[in-house]
Amino acid sequence: MAESRRPLPRPTPETQHFWDGTRERELRLQRCDACSQVYFPPRPFCPACASRKVSVFAASGRGTLYSYVINHRAPPGSGFEPPYSIAVVELDEGPRMMTNIVGVPQTPEALQLDMPVEAVYEDFTDQITLPFFRPLEAS
C-alpha cells in the first residue's frame, strides 16, 4: 500500500458502492432507472429527474482527458509530489470525474486534450483504493 499523508475520502452510505468498486479495480457508476441518465459523483437520486430509482453498474474505466492543470507546488504536508496533474476525465459512459493523470510526464506535451485514458488503481488503506487515469496504450 502507498504510504502517504495524502487526504483520503471518507465513504458514506451513498458512496460506499463506489469505494467498494475501486477496491475491486472497477469504476461503479449510477444510472437512473427512470430516465437512463448516467451520473457521477454518487448520490441517492438522479440529478436529471430526481428519481430515487437508480442502479449501480460497472463502467468501462475508459475515457478521454477533458481538461487539466499541472500543479508545480504541493501544499505543505499534503503528501502530493509536484509536479502533478489535476484533471477532468470524461468517461465513455458520459459523466466527468476529477482525478490525476499518472504514468506519463506531467507536461503539456504529454497531456494532450482528448487523449484516450484508462483507470488504474492504487491502494492507500485496506478500505480506500483511489482511481487514477493513465494514457491508453495503443493496441
N, C-alpha and C. Protein backbone atom coordinates (compact mmCIF):
# COMPACT_ATOMS: atom_id res chain seq x y z
N MET A 1 0.83 -1.19 0.00
CA MET A 1 0.00 0.00 0.00
C MET A 1 0.87 1.25 0.00
N ALA A 2 0.34 2.26 -0.63
CA ALA A 2 1.08 3.51 -0.73
C ALA A 2 1.16 4.17 0.64
N GLU A 3 2.35 4.64 0.98
CA GLU A 3 2.50 5.41 2.21
C GLU A 3 2.39 6.87 1.82
N SER A 4 1.39 7.54 2.40
CA SER A 4 1.15 8.91 2.00
C SER A 4 0.42 9.65 3.09
N ARG A 5 0.65 10.93 3.12
CA ARG A 5 -0.13 11.80 4.00
C ARG A 5 -1.28 12.42 3.21
N ARG A 6 -1.45 11.96 2.01
CA ARG A 6 -2.49 12.48 1.13
C ARG A 6 -3.85 12.36 1.81
N PRO A 7 -4.67 13.40 1.74
CA PRO A 7 -6.01 13.30 2.33
C PRO A 7 -6.82 12.22 1.60
N LEU A 8 -7.50 11.40 2.34
CA LEU A 8 -8.28 10.31 1.75
C LEU A 8 -9.77 10.54 1.98
N PRO A 9 -10.58 10.04 1.06
CA PRO A 9 -12.03 10.21 1.21
C PRO A 9 -12.56 9.39 2.39
N ARG A 10 -13.70 9.80 2.87
CA ARG A 10 -14.41 9.05 3.91
C ARG A 10 -15.72 8.57 3.29
N PRO A 11 -15.81 7.27 3.01
CA PRO A 11 -17.04 6.76 2.40
C PRO A 11 -18.26 7.02 3.28
N THR A 12 -19.37 7.27 2.60
CA THR A 12 -20.67 7.44 3.25
C THR A 12 -21.58 6.34 2.72
N PRO A 13 -22.75 6.16 3.30
CA PRO A 13 -23.66 5.15 2.75
C PRO A 13 -23.96 5.38 1.26
N GLU A 14 -24.00 6.65 0.84
CA GLU A 14 -24.29 6.97 -0.57
C GLU A 14 -23.13 6.68 -1.51
N THR A 15 -21.90 6.69 -0.98
CA THR A 15 -20.72 6.49 -1.84
C THR A 15 -20.04 5.13 -1.64
N GLN A 16 -20.50 4.34 -0.69
CA GLN A 16 -19.82 3.09 -0.36
C GLN A 16 -19.68 2.17 -1.57
N HIS A 17 -20.72 2.10 -2.43
CA HIS A 17 -20.63 1.23 -3.61
C HIS A 17 -19.46 1.63 -4.51
N PHE A 18 -19.21 2.94 -4.63
CA PHE A 18 -18.11 3.41 -5.46
C PHE A 18 -16.77 2.95 -4.88
N TRP A 19 -16.57 3.11 -3.57
CA TRP A 19 -15.31 2.74 -2.94
C TRP A 19 -15.14 1.22 -2.87
N ASP A 20 -16.23 0.49 -2.73
CA ASP A 20 -16.15 -0.98 -2.83
C ASP A 20 -15.68 -1.38 -4.23
N GLY A 21 -16.17 -0.67 -5.24
CA GLY A 21 -15.77 -0.95 -6.62
C GLY A 21 -14.31 -0.65 -6.88
N THR A 22 -13.82 0.50 -6.41
CA THR A 22 -12.42 0.82 -6.67
C THR A 22 -11.50 -0.19 -5.98
N ARG A 23 -11.91 -0.67 -4.81
CA ARG A 23 -11.12 -1.69 -4.12
C ARG A 23 -11.04 -2.96 -4.97
N GLU A 24 -12.08 -3.22 -5.77
CA GLU A 24 -12.11 -4.38 -6.67
C GLU A 24 -11.63 -4.03 -8.08
N ARG A 25 -11.01 -2.86 -8.23
CA ARG A 25 -10.43 -2.41 -9.50
C ARG A 25 -11.48 -2.18 -10.59
N GLU A 26 -12.61 -1.57 -10.20
CA GLU A 26 -13.60 -1.17 -11.21
C GLU A 26 -14.27 0.12 -10.77
N LEU A 27 -14.64 0.92 -11.78
CA LEU A 27 -15.41 2.13 -11.51
C LEU A 27 -16.88 1.76 -11.52
N ARG A 28 -17.58 2.11 -10.48
CA ARG A 28 -19.01 1.85 -10.41
C ARG A 28 -19.75 3.17 -10.48
N LEU A 29 -20.57 3.29 -11.50
CA LEU A 29 -21.38 4.48 -11.71
C LEU A 29 -22.82 4.16 -11.41
N GLN A 30 -23.65 5.19 -11.43
CA GLN A 30 -25.08 5.01 -11.24
C GLN A 30 -25.82 5.42 -12.50
N ARG A 31 -26.92 4.72 -12.74
CA ARG A 31 -27.80 5.01 -13.88
C ARG A 31 -29.22 5.12 -13.35
N CYS A 32 -29.92 6.14 -13.78
CA CYS A 32 -31.31 6.33 -13.40
C CYS A 32 -32.18 5.31 -14.12
N ASP A 33 -33.00 4.59 -13.37
CA ASP A 33 -33.90 3.62 -13.98
C ASP A 33 -35.08 4.30 -14.67
N ALA A 34 -35.35 5.55 -14.31
CA ALA A 34 -36.47 6.28 -14.90
C ALA A 34 -36.11 6.96 -16.22
N CYS A 35 -34.95 7.64 -16.26
CA CYS A 35 -34.60 8.42 -17.46
C CYS A 35 -33.31 7.97 -18.14
N SER A 36 -32.62 6.99 -17.59
CA SER A 36 -31.39 6.41 -18.14
C SER A 36 -30.16 7.30 -18.03
N GLN A 37 -30.25 8.41 -17.31
CA GLN A 37 -29.09 9.29 -17.12
C GLN A 37 -28.02 8.55 -16.32
N VAL A 38 -26.77 8.58 -16.80
CA VAL A 38 -25.63 8.04 -16.06
C VAL A 38 -24.95 9.22 -15.39
N TYR A 39 -24.61 9.07 -14.10
CA TYR A 39 -24.06 10.22 -13.41
C TYR A 39 -22.97 9.86 -12.41
N PHE A 40 -22.17 10.88 -12.10
CA PHE A 40 -21.12 10.86 -11.09
C PHE A 40 -21.00 12.29 -10.61
N PRO A 41 -20.78 12.54 -9.34
CA PRO A 41 -20.50 11.64 -8.24
C PRO A 41 -21.74 10.92 -7.73
N PRO A 42 -21.53 9.88 -6.92
CA PRO A 42 -22.65 9.10 -6.40
C PRO A 42 -23.59 9.94 -5.54
N ARG A 43 -24.88 9.65 -5.68
CA ARG A 43 -25.91 10.25 -4.84
C ARG A 43 -27.16 9.37 -4.91
N PRO A 44 -28.05 9.49 -3.97
CA PRO A 44 -29.19 8.56 -3.92
C PRO A 44 -30.33 8.90 -4.87
N PHE A 45 -30.18 9.93 -5.70
CA PHE A 45 -31.24 10.33 -6.62
C PHE A 45 -30.63 10.80 -7.92
N CYS A 46 -31.40 10.76 -8.98
CA CYS A 46 -30.93 11.20 -10.29
C CYS A 46 -30.84 12.73 -10.35
N PRO A 47 -29.71 13.29 -10.77
CA PRO A 47 -29.61 14.74 -10.88
C PRO A 47 -30.42 15.31 -12.04
N ALA A 48 -30.84 14.46 -12.97
CA ALA A 48 -31.61 14.94 -14.13
C ALA A 48 -33.10 15.00 -13.84
N CYS A 49 -33.63 13.95 -13.19
CA CYS A 49 -35.09 13.90 -12.99
C CYS A 49 -35.51 13.72 -11.54
N ALA A 50 -34.55 13.59 -10.63
CA ALA A 50 -34.78 13.44 -9.19
C ALA A 50 -35.37 12.10 -8.77
N SER A 51 -35.43 11.14 -9.68
CA SER A 51 -35.93 9.82 -9.32
C SER A 51 -34.97 9.15 -8.34
N ARG A 52 -35.52 8.41 -7.41
CA ARG A 52 -34.69 7.65 -6.47
C ARG A 52 -34.51 6.21 -6.93
N LYS A 53 -35.04 5.88 -8.10
CA LYS A 53 -34.87 4.54 -8.67
C LYS A 53 -33.61 4.55 -9.52
N VAL A 54 -32.50 4.19 -8.89
CA VAL A 54 -31.21 4.20 -9.57
C VAL A 54 -30.53 2.85 -9.41
N SER A 55 -29.69 2.50 -10.37
CA SER A 55 -28.94 1.25 -10.36
C SER A 55 -27.45 1.56 -10.41
N VAL A 56 -26.67 0.66 -9.86
CA VAL A 56 -25.21 0.76 -9.90
C VAL A 56 -24.71 -0.24 -10.93
N PHE A 57 -23.72 0.18 -11.75
CA PHE A 57 -23.15 -0.74 -12.73
C PHE A 57 -21.65 -0.49 -12.86
N ALA A 58 -20.95 -1.49 -13.34
CA ALA A 58 -19.51 -1.38 -13.57
C ALA A 58 -19.27 -0.67 -14.90
N ALA A 59 -18.58 0.46 -14.84
CA ALA A 59 -18.25 1.22 -16.05
C ALA A 59 -17.02 0.60 -16.72
N SER A 60 -16.73 1.06 -17.93
CA SER A 60 -15.60 0.52 -18.69
C SER A 60 -14.25 0.91 -18.10
N GLY A 61 -14.21 2.03 -17.36
CA GLY A 61 -12.93 2.51 -16.85
C GLY A 61 -12.12 3.26 -17.89
N ARG A 62 -12.76 3.59 -19.00
CA ARG A 62 -12.08 4.32 -20.07
C ARG A 62 -12.76 5.66 -20.32
N GLY A 63 -11.97 6.57 -20.87
CA GLY A 63 -12.50 7.89 -21.18
C GLY A 63 -11.49 8.69 -21.95
N THR A 64 -11.68 10.02 -21.93
CA THR A 64 -10.75 10.94 -22.59
C THR A 64 -10.41 12.07 -21.63
N LEU A 65 -9.21 12.60 -21.80
CA LEU A 65 -8.78 13.73 -20.99
C LEU A 65 -9.54 14.97 -21.46
N TYR A 66 -10.37 15.51 -20.60
CA TYR A 66 -11.22 16.65 -20.94
C TYR A 66 -10.52 17.98 -20.63
N SER A 67 -9.85 18.03 -19.48
CA SER A 67 -9.20 19.27 -19.05
C SER A 67 -8.17 18.92 -17.98
N TYR A 68 -7.21 19.80 -17.76
CA TYR A 68 -6.24 19.57 -16.69
C TYR A 68 -5.48 20.84 -16.38
N VAL A 69 -4.82 20.82 -15.25
CA VAL A 69 -3.84 21.82 -14.87
C VAL A 69 -2.69 21.07 -14.23
N ILE A 70 -1.48 21.54 -14.46
CA ILE A 70 -0.31 20.93 -13.85
C ILE A 70 0.06 21.77 -12.64
N ASN A 71 0.03 21.15 -11.48
CA ASN A 71 0.35 21.84 -10.25
C ASN A 71 1.83 21.63 -9.94
N HIS A 72 2.57 22.71 -9.79
CA HIS A 72 4.00 22.64 -9.52
C HIS A 72 4.34 22.89 -8.06
N ARG A 73 3.33 23.18 -7.25
CA ARG A 73 3.55 23.42 -5.83
C ARG A 73 2.52 22.65 -5.03
N ALA A 74 3.00 21.73 -4.23
CA ALA A 74 2.10 20.97 -3.37
C ALA A 74 1.95 21.71 -2.04
N PRO A 75 0.74 21.71 -1.49
CA PRO A 75 0.58 22.32 -0.17
C PRO A 75 1.48 21.60 0.85
N PRO A 76 2.10 22.33 1.75
CA PRO A 76 2.98 21.69 2.74
C PRO A 76 2.25 20.60 3.52
N GLY A 77 2.90 19.44 3.62
CA GLY A 77 2.33 18.33 4.37
C GLY A 77 1.18 17.62 3.68
N SER A 78 0.95 17.89 2.39
CA SER A 78 -0.20 17.32 1.70
C SER A 78 0.03 15.90 1.22
N GLY A 79 1.29 15.49 1.08
CA GLY A 79 1.57 14.17 0.55
C GLY A 79 1.62 14.12 -0.96
N PHE A 80 1.39 15.24 -1.64
CA PHE A 80 1.47 15.29 -3.10
C PHE A 80 2.90 15.62 -3.51
N GLU A 81 3.37 14.97 -4.58
CA GLU A 81 4.71 15.22 -5.11
C GLU A 81 4.59 16.01 -6.40
N PRO A 82 4.99 17.28 -6.42
CA PRO A 82 4.90 18.05 -7.65
C PRO A 82 5.97 17.64 -8.64
N PRO A 83 5.77 17.86 -9.92
CA PRO A 83 4.51 18.33 -10.49
C PRO A 83 3.51 17.18 -10.60
N TYR A 84 2.25 17.52 -10.51
CA TYR A 84 1.19 16.52 -10.70
C TYR A 84 0.01 17.19 -11.38
N SER A 85 -0.72 16.40 -12.13
CA SER A 85 -1.85 16.95 -12.85
C SER A 85 -3.13 16.78 -12.04
N ILE A 86 -3.94 17.80 -12.10
CA ILE A 86 -5.31 17.74 -11.59
C ILE A 86 -6.15 17.77 -12.84
N ALA A 87 -6.86 16.68 -13.09
CA ALA A 87 -7.50 16.52 -14.40
C ALA A 87 -8.99 16.22 -14.26
N VAL A 88 -9.69 16.50 -15.35
CA VAL A 88 -11.08 16.06 -15.51
C VAL A 88 -11.08 15.09 -16.67
N VAL A 89 -11.59 13.89 -16.41
CA VAL A 89 -11.72 12.86 -17.43
C VAL A 89 -13.19 12.69 -17.76
N GLU A 90 -13.50 12.70 -19.05
CA GLU A 90 -14.86 12.40 -19.49
C GLU A 90 -14.92 10.90 -19.76
N LEU A 91 -15.70 10.21 -18.95
CA LEU A 91 -15.81 8.76 -19.07
C LEU A 91 -16.59 8.39 -20.33
N ASP A 92 -16.30 7.22 -20.88
CA ASP A 92 -17.01 6.76 -22.08
C ASP A 92 -18.52 6.72 -21.85
N GLU A 93 -18.93 6.51 -20.60
CA GLU A 93 -20.36 6.44 -20.27
C GLU A 93 -21.00 7.81 -20.15
N GLY A 94 -20.20 8.90 -20.19
CA GLY A 94 -20.75 10.25 -20.20
C GLY A 94 -20.34 11.16 -19.07
N PRO A 95 -20.38 10.72 -17.81
CA PRO A 95 -20.02 11.64 -16.73
C PRO A 95 -18.56 12.04 -16.76
N ARG A 96 -18.26 13.14 -16.11
CA ARG A 96 -16.89 13.59 -15.94
C ARG A 96 -16.49 13.42 -14.49
N MET A 97 -15.21 13.08 -14.27
CA MET A 97 -14.74 12.97 -12.90
C MET A 97 -13.37 13.61 -12.76
N MET A 98 -13.13 14.19 -11.59
CA MET A 98 -11.83 14.80 -11.28
C MET A 98 -10.90 13.69 -10.82
N THR A 99 -9.63 13.78 -11.24
CA THR A 99 -8.67 12.72 -10.96
C THR A 99 -7.26 13.26 -11.17
N ASN A 100 -6.31 12.38 -11.17
CA ASN A 100 -4.94 12.69 -11.56
C ASN A 100 -4.56 11.79 -12.72
N ILE A 101 -3.73 12.30 -13.62
CA ILE A 101 -3.20 11.50 -14.72
C ILE A 101 -1.81 11.02 -14.27
N VAL A 102 -1.58 9.72 -14.39
CA VAL A 102 -0.32 9.12 -13.94
C VAL A 102 0.32 8.34 -15.09
N GLY A 103 1.56 7.95 -14.89
CA GLY A 103 2.25 7.11 -15.87
C GLY A 103 2.73 7.84 -17.10
N VAL A 104 2.82 9.15 -17.01
CA VAL A 104 3.25 9.96 -18.14
C VAL A 104 3.89 11.23 -17.57
N PRO A 105 4.87 11.81 -18.27
CA PRO A 105 5.43 13.07 -17.77
C PRO A 105 4.33 14.12 -17.60
N GLN A 106 4.47 14.91 -16.56
CA GLN A 106 3.46 15.93 -16.26
C GLN A 106 3.82 17.21 -17.01
N THR A 107 3.65 17.13 -18.34
CA THR A 107 3.95 18.25 -19.24
C THR A 107 2.81 18.42 -20.22
N PRO A 108 2.65 19.63 -20.76
CA PRO A 108 1.62 19.83 -21.78
C PRO A 108 1.83 18.95 -23.02
N GLU A 109 3.09 18.62 -23.32
CA GLU A 109 3.36 17.77 -24.48
C GLU A 109 2.83 16.36 -24.27
N ALA A 110 2.88 15.87 -23.05
CA ALA A 110 2.43 14.51 -22.76
C ALA A 110 0.94 14.44 -22.43
N LEU A 111 0.39 15.52 -21.92
CA LEU A 111 -1.02 15.54 -21.52
C LEU A 111 -1.84 16.25 -22.59
N GLN A 112 -2.22 15.50 -23.58
CA GLN A 112 -2.95 16.05 -24.72
C GLN A 112 -4.46 15.95 -24.48
N LEU A 113 -5.16 17.05 -24.64
CA LEU A 113 -6.62 17.01 -24.50
C LEU A 113 -7.21 16.00 -25.48
N ASP A 114 -8.24 15.34 -25.07
CA ASP A 114 -8.96 14.31 -25.85
C ASP A 114 -8.18 13.01 -26.01
N MET A 115 -7.01 12.88 -25.34
CA MET A 115 -6.31 11.61 -25.46
C MET A 115 -7.07 10.54 -24.68
N PRO A 116 -7.11 9.32 -25.22
CA PRO A 116 -7.79 8.23 -24.53
C PRO A 116 -7.02 7.84 -23.26
N VAL A 117 -7.77 7.60 -22.20
CA VAL A 117 -7.17 7.20 -20.92
C VAL A 117 -7.94 6.02 -20.35
N GLU A 118 -7.28 5.33 -19.41
CA GLU A 118 -7.92 4.21 -18.72
C GLU A 118 -7.63 4.30 -17.24
N ALA A 119 -8.54 3.76 -16.44
CA ALA A 119 -8.40 3.80 -14.99
C ALA A 119 -7.33 2.83 -14.52
N VAL A 120 -6.59 3.26 -13.52
CA VAL A 120 -5.65 2.42 -12.78
C VAL A 120 -5.93 2.71 -11.31
N TYR A 121 -5.54 1.79 -10.45
CA TYR A 121 -5.95 1.89 -9.05
C TYR A 121 -4.75 1.74 -8.14
N GLU A 122 -4.77 2.49 -7.03
CA GLU A 122 -3.70 2.42 -6.05
C GLU A 122 -4.31 2.29 -4.66
N ASP A 123 -3.90 1.25 -3.95
CA ASP A 123 -4.38 1.02 -2.59
C ASP A 123 -3.68 1.99 -1.64
N PHE A 124 -4.45 2.68 -0.82
CA PHE A 124 -3.89 3.57 0.18
C PHE A 124 -4.10 3.02 1.59
N THR A 125 -5.23 2.35 1.81
CA THR A 125 -5.52 1.66 3.06
C THR A 125 -6.26 0.38 2.70
N ASP A 126 -6.61 -0.40 3.70
CA ASP A 126 -7.40 -1.61 3.43
C ASP A 126 -8.79 -1.26 2.89
N GLN A 127 -9.28 -0.06 3.20
CA GLN A 127 -10.61 0.35 2.76
C GLN A 127 -10.61 1.28 1.56
N ILE A 128 -9.53 2.01 1.35
CA ILE A 128 -9.53 3.04 0.30
C ILE A 128 -8.52 2.72 -0.80
N THR A 129 -9.04 2.57 -1.99
CA THR A 129 -8.27 2.44 -3.21
C THR A 129 -8.69 3.60 -4.11
N LEU A 130 -7.73 4.41 -4.52
CA LEU A 130 -8.05 5.57 -5.35
C LEU A 130 -7.91 5.25 -6.82
N PRO A 131 -8.87 5.74 -7.63
CA PRO A 131 -8.73 5.59 -9.07
C PRO A 131 -7.95 6.77 -9.65
N PHE A 132 -7.01 6.46 -10.52
CA PHE A 132 -6.28 7.45 -11.31
C PHE A 132 -6.46 7.06 -12.77
N PHE A 133 -5.95 7.86 -13.67
CA PHE A 133 -6.03 7.52 -15.09
C PHE A 133 -4.66 7.66 -15.71
N ARG A 134 -4.41 6.81 -16.71
CA ARG A 134 -3.16 6.87 -17.47
C ARG A 134 -3.54 6.81 -18.95
N PRO A 135 -2.62 7.28 -19.82
CA PRO A 135 -2.90 7.20 -21.25
C PRO A 135 -3.16 5.75 -21.66
N LEU A 136 -4.13 5.56 -22.51
CA LEU A 136 -4.47 4.24 -23.01
C LEU A 136 -3.42 3.80 -24.01
N GLU A 137 -2.88 2.64 -23.80
CA GLU A 137 -1.87 2.11 -24.72
C GLU A 137 -2.51 1.84 -26.07
N ALA A 138 -1.86 2.23 -27.12
CA ALA A 138 -2.34 1.95 -28.47
C ALA A 138 -2.22 0.45 -28.73
N SER A 139 -3.29 -0.14 -29.24
CA SER A 139 -3.28 -1.59 -29.48
C SER A 139 -2.71 -1.92 -30.83
